[in-house]
Protein backbone atom coordinates (compact mmCIF):
# COMPACT_ATOMS: atom_id res chain seq x y z
CA MET A 1 145.16 79.50 111.88
CA LYS A 2 143.59 78.83 108.48
CA LYS A 3 141.99 75.31 106.79
CA GLU A 4 144.77 74.35 104.45
CA CYS A 5 147.33 75.05 107.66
CA THR A 6 146.10 72.74 109.40
CA ARG A 7 146.02 69.87 106.16
CA TYR A 8 149.77 70.61 105.32
CA GLN A 9 150.89 70.56 108.69
CA SER A 10 149.63 67.57 109.09
CA LEU A 11 151.75 66.68 106.04
CA VAL A 12 155.08 67.16 107.47
CA GLU A 13 156.02 64.33 108.85
CA PRO A 14 155.02 62.26 105.63
CA PHE A 15 157.11 64.89 103.77
CA LEU A 16 159.98 64.76 105.96
CA GLU A 17 160.00 60.73 106.15
CA GLY A 18 159.83 61.11 101.73
CA LYS A 19 156.48 58.95 101.45
CA LEU A 20 154.65 62.55 100.05
CA THR A 21 153.92 62.08 96.35
CA GLY A 22 155.60 64.30 93.33
CA PHE A 23 152.26 66.07 93.13
CA GLU A 24 151.79 66.42 97.12
CA ARG A 25 155.71 67.29 97.80
CA GLN A 26 155.21 69.98 95.19
CA SER A 27 152.04 71.60 97.15
CA PHE A 28 153.11 70.66 100.12
CA VAL A 29 157.03 72.44 99.29
CA GLU A 30 154.80 75.92 97.64
CA HIS A 31 152.60 76.01 100.51
CA MET A 32 155.75 75.97 102.91
CA LYS A 33 157.26 79.51 100.84
CA LYS A 34 154.67 81.24 101.47
CA CYS A 35 153.32 80.17 104.82
CA LYS A 36 155.41 81.46 107.77
CA ILE A 37 154.09 79.53 110.31
CA CYS A 38 153.63 75.93 109.07
CA HIS A 39 157.01 76.50 107.71
CA GLU A 40 158.37 77.36 111.56
CA GLU A 41 156.31 73.91 111.99
CA LEU A 42 158.72 72.71 109.59
CA GLU A 43 161.86 73.50 110.75
CA ILE A 44 161.39 72.21 114.45
CA TYR A 45 160.25 68.69 113.13
CA HIS A 46 163.39 68.83 111.03
CA VAL A 47 165.74 69.69 113.61
CA ILE A 48 164.02 66.84 115.73
CA TYR A 49 164.61 64.24 113.15
CA SER A 50 167.72 65.84 112.49
CA VAL A 51 169.03 65.33 115.98
CA VAL A 52 166.89 61.68 116.20
CA ASP A 53 169.04 60.56 112.62
CA GLU A 54 172.35 62.08 114.16
CA LEU A 55 172.01 60.15 117.30
CA ASN A 56 170.91 56.91 115.61
CA ASP A 57 174.74 57.25 113.28
CA ASP A 58 177.23 55.49 114.13
CA SER A 59 179.72 57.61 112.02
CA GLY A 60 180.08 60.16 114.38
CA GLU A 61 179.23 63.48 112.50
CA GLU A 62 177.37 65.97 113.21
CA THR A 63 175.33 68.62 111.31
CA ASN A 64 175.10 72.29 112.73
CA ASN A 65 173.25 73.59 109.81
CA TYR A 66 170.40 72.35 109.63
CA MET A 67 167.66 75.08 108.27
CA ALA A 68 170.24 74.81 105.45
CA THR A 69 169.82 71.20 105.11
CA LEU A 70 165.86 71.65 104.99
CA GLU A 71 165.79 74.23 102.83
CA LYS A 72 167.95 72.45 100.40
CA ARG A 73 165.43 69.84 100.97
CA LEU A 74 162.60 72.07 99.79
CA GLY A 75 164.06 73.18 96.70
CA THR A 76 164.60 69.45 95.28
CA VAL A 77 161.21 68.89 94.17
CA SER A 78 160.48 70.38 90.68
CA ARG A 79 157.41 70.20 88.50
CA LYS A 80 159.17 67.40 86.71
CA ASP A 81 159.93 65.49 89.56
CA ALA A 82 156.21 65.81 90.37
CA ILE A 83 154.55 64.78 86.92
CA PHE A 84 156.90 61.58 86.36
CA THR A 85 155.09 60.28 89.66
CA ASN A 86 152.08 59.37 88.39
CA VAL A 87 153.75 58.25 84.90
CA LYS A 88 152.13 55.21 85.29
CA ALA A 89 148.78 56.82 85.39
CA ALA A 90 148.95 58.26 82.53
CA TYR A 91 149.99 55.47 80.32
CA GLY A 92 147.00 53.34 82.54
CA PHE A 93 145.01 56.46 80.67
CA ILE A 94 146.37 56.17 77.52
CA ALA A 95 145.84 52.05 77.53
CA LEU A 96 142.50 52.72 78.26
CA GLY A 97 141.96 54.90 75.71
CA LEU A 98 143.41 52.98 72.76
CA ILE A 99 141.49 49.83 73.85
CA SER A 100 138.53 51.98 73.79
CA ILE A 101 139.41 52.97 70.25
CA ALA A 102 140.48 49.51 68.88
CA ALA A 103 136.51 48.32 70.89
CA GLY A 104 134.87 51.11 68.52
CA ILE A 105 136.74 49.82 65.21
CA VAL A 106 135.24 46.23 66.06
CA LEU A 107 131.95 47.08 66.64
CA LEU A 108 132.73 49.21 63.59
CA ILE A 109 133.05 46.86 61.39
CA MET A 110 130.59 44.19 62.78
C-alpha cells in the first residue's frame, strides 16, 4: 500500500461525516476515483454508515442501492466548491494586502 493511501484511508470517516474542507474533499474524491484499493475501503465504510443510519431512522425507508448513493456523493465535489470553501482566507489576504499598501502610502507621505 502506498503512503498516500494510508493518508486517504484515514480520511474516509471524516468524508462520510461531511467534515472535510473543500480542498481536502476534492483531493480525497480524486484519489478515490483512481485508487481501487482505497475506493473499496470507502465502499465498506459507506455501507456500514448507511446501514447504521437506516437502523436509526424511524421512517422505515430502506436504501438497497448503497453504491449508487456513494457514487453520487463522490460526484458532488466540484472545483467551485473547493475554491469557495476558502473564500474567507482569500478575503483575509486581500485585506492584509490593502492594509500593507495603505501603510506604505502613509509612510511615503510622512
